[in-house]
């Protein structure tokens, strides 16, 4: 009996750990910036938001939808790109890139998959592509890309919006 209770407790702890790790149960109490910082995989994004002066904006009432590139996504950029963007003289370019990751309003994954494109805060459009799995695939989930970035996690709720995690940094078109 004690062994079964111990096993049950271990399974419950594992399930709770997975639930907390994959979708922070208290994220809705934190704003987008604090939610991203707490996740631990958005250090570069947080530094960029600070350098661009956008922290207070994304801590504001919103709501916002943020397609948040991970640290690994920033690492995929050519060497020196992030360091260069964080320089004060490149603040306008950094703001343009970061605001290209933000869509006004709270757009949950169920709504994102219905879109073909979305207008970002910087005024430019991002392309939304939904790929349905082939008939022979066991997993029946959809693959979603924003421009060429894969959405790897969705619906991370915050008090002022939602975060969808992407695996590449979005670069706005020049025109």
Protein backbone atom coordinates (compact mmCIF):
# COMPACT_ATOMS: atom_id res chain seq x y z
CA UNK A 1 0.00 0.00 0.00
CA UNK A 2 2.78 2.46 0.92
CA UNK A 3 4.60 1.61 -2.30
CA UNK A 4 1.45 2.30 -4.36
CA UNK A 5 0.93 5.65 -2.60
CA UNK A 6 4.55 6.53 -3.22
CA UNK A 7 4.17 5.63 -6.92
CA UNK A 8 0.97 7.68 -7.15
CA UNK A 9 2.68 10.63 -5.48
CA UNK A 10 5.62 10.37 -7.89
CA UNK A 11 3.30 10.27 -10.91
CA UNK A 12 1.30 13.22 -9.57
CA UNK A 13 4.51 15.20 -8.96
CA UNK A 14 5.70 14.43 -12.49
CA UNK A 15 2.37 15.49 -14.02
CA UNK A 16 2.31 18.69 -11.99
CA UNK A 17 5.92 19.39 -12.97
CA UNK A 18 5.11 18.91 -16.65
CA UNK A 19 2.03 21.11 -16.39
CA UNK A 20 3.92 23.88 -14.62
CA UNK A 21 6.86 23.62 -17.01
CA UNK A 22 4.82 23.68 -20.19
CA UNK A 23 2.27 26.30 -19.26
CA UNK A 24 3.02 28.32 -16.18
CA UNK A 25 -0.11 28.01 -14.05
CA UNK A 26 0.49 31.46 -12.58
CA UNK A 27 1.52 33.16 -15.81
CA UNK A 28 -1.78 35.01 -16.06
CA UNK A 29 -0.81 36.88 -12.89
CA UNK A 30 2.36 38.21 -14.57
CA UNK A 31 2.62 40.54 -17.54
CA UNK A 32 4.25 39.45 -20.80
CA UNK A 33 7.74 40.63 -19.83
CA UNK A 34 7.71 38.97 -16.41
CA UNK A 35 6.24 35.77 -17.88
CA UNK A 36 8.99 35.62 -20.52
CA UNK A 37 11.75 36.34 -18.00
CA UNK A 38 10.42 33.66 -15.64
CA UNK A 39 10.49 31.10 -18.46
CA UNK A 40 14.29 31.36 -18.59
CA UNK A 41 14.64 30.86 -22.36
CA UNK A 42 14.15 34.49 -23.39
CA UNK A 43 17.21 36.23 -21.89
CA UNK A 44 18.26 37.71 -25.22
CA UNK A 45 14.73 38.91 -25.94
CA UNK A 46 14.54 40.53 -22.50
CA UNK A 47 17.90 42.27 -23.05
CA UNK A 48 16.74 43.48 -26.46
CA UNK A 49 13.47 44.81 -25.03
CA UNK A 50 15.48 46.72 -22.44
CA UNK A 51 17.88 48.16 -25.01
CA UNK A 52 14.95 49.19 -27.21
CA UNK A 53 13.06 50.82 -24.33
CA UNK A 54 10.06 48.54 -24.87
CA UNK A 55 9.84 46.90 -21.45
CA UNK A 56 7.33 49.42 -20.07
CA UNK A 57 5.21 49.13 -23.21
CA UNK A 58 4.96 45.33 -22.92
CA UNK A 59 4.25 45.67 -19.21
CA UNK A 60 1.34 47.97 -20.12
CA UNK A 61 -2.32 47.03 -20.30
CA UNK A 62 -2.23 45.56 -23.83
CA UNK A 63 -3.49 43.15 -24.75
CA UNK A 64 -0.59 41.95 -26.88
CA UNK A 65 0.26 38.76 -28.74
CA UNK A 66 4.01 38.19 -28.80
CA UNK A 67 5.73 35.73 -31.10
CA UNK A 68 8.73 35.32 -28.82
CA UNK A 69 12.03 34.04 -30.21
CA UNK A 70 14.04 31.93 -27.77
CA UNK A 71 17.70 32.44 -26.94
CA UNK A 72 18.45 29.63 -29.42
CA UNK A 73 16.54 31.56 -32.10
CA UNK A 74 18.71 34.64 -31.54
CA UNK A 75 21.81 32.41 -31.60
CA UNK A 76 20.90 31.36 -35.17
CA UNK A 77 21.45 34.94 -36.40
CA UNK A 78 24.82 35.67 -38.03
CA UNK A 79 27.67 36.22 -35.56
CA UNK A 80 27.70 39.72 -34.10
CA UNK A 81 24.14 40.58 -35.16
CA UNK A 82 22.66 40.70 -31.65
CA UNK A 83 25.62 42.66 -30.24
CA UNK A 84 25.31 45.13 -33.10
CA UNK A 85 21.54 45.53 -32.65
CA UNK A 86 21.94 46.22 -28.93
CA UNK A 87 24.13 49.28 -29.61
CA UNK A 88 22.38 52.60 -28.90
CA UNK A 89 22.92 53.82 -32.45
CA UNK A 90 20.87 50.87 -33.75
CA UNK A 91 17.91 51.37 -31.42
CA UNK A 92 15.46 52.24 -34.24
CA UNK A 93 16.35 49.06 -36.15
CA UNK A 94 16.01 47.00 -32.95
CA UNK A 95 12.59 48.55 -32.22
CA UNK A 96 11.46 47.74 -35.78
CA UNK A 97 12.51 44.10 -35.37
CA UNK A 98 10.99 43.66 -31.91
CA UNK A 99 7.67 45.33 -32.77
CA UNK A 100 7.50 43.01 -35.80
CA UNK A 101 7.06 40.19 -33.24
CA UNK A 102 4.01 41.79 -31.62
CA UNK A 103 0.41 41.74 -32.82
CA UNK A 104 -2.16 43.98 -31.11
CA UNK A 105 -4.81 42.09 -29.15
CA UNK A 106 -4.81 38.66 -27.56
CA UNK A 107 -4.72 36.08 -30.35
CA UNK A 108 -4.84 32.55 -28.99
CA UNK A 109 -3.51 29.58 -31.02
CA UNK A 110 -7.02 28.50 -32.00
CA UNK A 111 -7.42 31.90 -33.69
CA UNK A 112 -3.89 32.11 -35.12
CA UNK A 113 -4.47 28.94 -37.18
CA UNK A 114 -7.43 30.63 -38.87
CA UNK A 115 -5.27 33.50 -40.15
CA UNK A 116 -3.29 33.84 -43.36
CA UNK A 117 -1.49 36.96 -42.14
CA UNK A 118 -1.49 39.40 -39.26
CA UNK A 119 -0.59 43.06 -38.95
CA UNK A 120 2.16 43.68 -36.41
CA UNK A 121 2.63 46.66 -34.11
CA UNK A 122 5.29 48.05 -36.47
CA UNK A 123 2.69 48.13 -39.27
CA UNK A 124 4.12 45.31 -41.39
CA UNK A 125 2.38 42.01 -42.05
CA UNK A 126 3.56 38.56 -40.99
CA UNK A 127 2.53 35.49 -42.95
CA UNK A 128 0.79 32.69 -41.04
CA UNK A 129 1.02 29.19 -42.52
CA UNK A 130 -0.73 26.15 -41.09
CA UNK A 131 0.38 22.74 -42.31
CA UNK A 132 -1.85 19.81 -41.55
CA UNK A 133 -0.16 16.47 -40.93
CA UNK A 134 -0.18 13.78 -43.60
CA UNK A 135 -2.63 10.91 -43.30
CA UNK A 136 0.16 8.51 -42.31
CA UNK A 137 1.37 10.57 -39.33
CA UNK A 138 0.49 9.33 -35.88
CA UNK A 139 0.40 12.78 -34.33
CA UNK A 140 -2.51 14.86 -35.55
CA UNK A 141 -1.22 18.27 -34.49
CA UNK A 142 -0.82 21.15 -36.90
CA UNK A 143 2.47 22.83 -37.69
CA UNK A 144 2.29 26.61 -37.68
CA UNK A 145 4.87 29.02 -39.02
CA UNK A 146 5.06 32.78 -38.76
CA UNK A 147 6.96 33.81 -41.88
CA UNK A 148 9.70 31.13 -41.73
CA UNK A 149 9.71 30.67 -37.94
CA UNK A 150 8.17 27.53 -36.46
CA UNK A 151 5.79 28.01 -33.57
CA UNK A 152 7.08 25.62 -30.89
CA UNK A 153 4.78 26.46 -27.96
CA UNK A 154 1.48 28.32 -27.78
CA UNK A 155 -0.95 30.04 -25.48
CA UNK A 156 1.41 31.03 -22.68
CA UNK A 157 -0.99 33.41 -21.02
CA UNK A 158 0.00 36.62 -19.30
CA UNK A 159 -2.06 39.25 -17.54
CA UNK A 160 -1.83 41.53 -20.59
CA UNK A 161 -1.80 39.07 -23.47
CA UNK A 162 -0.34 35.84 -24.74
CA UNK A 163 3.04 34.50 -25.86
CA UNK A 164 3.64 32.03 -28.66
CA UNK A 165 7.22 30.71 -28.81
CA UNK A 166 9.06 30.70 -32.14
CA UNK A 167 12.38 29.17 -33.18
CA UNK A 168 13.70 32.03 -35.37
CA UNK A 169 13.88 35.79 -35.17
CA UNK A 170 11.47 37.55 -37.53
CA UNK A 171 13.10 40.22 -39.70
CA UNK A 172 10.68 42.78 -41.12
CA UNK A 173 10.73 43.45 -44.85
CA UNK A 174 12.79 46.47 -45.87
CA UNK A 175 9.94 48.27 -47.61
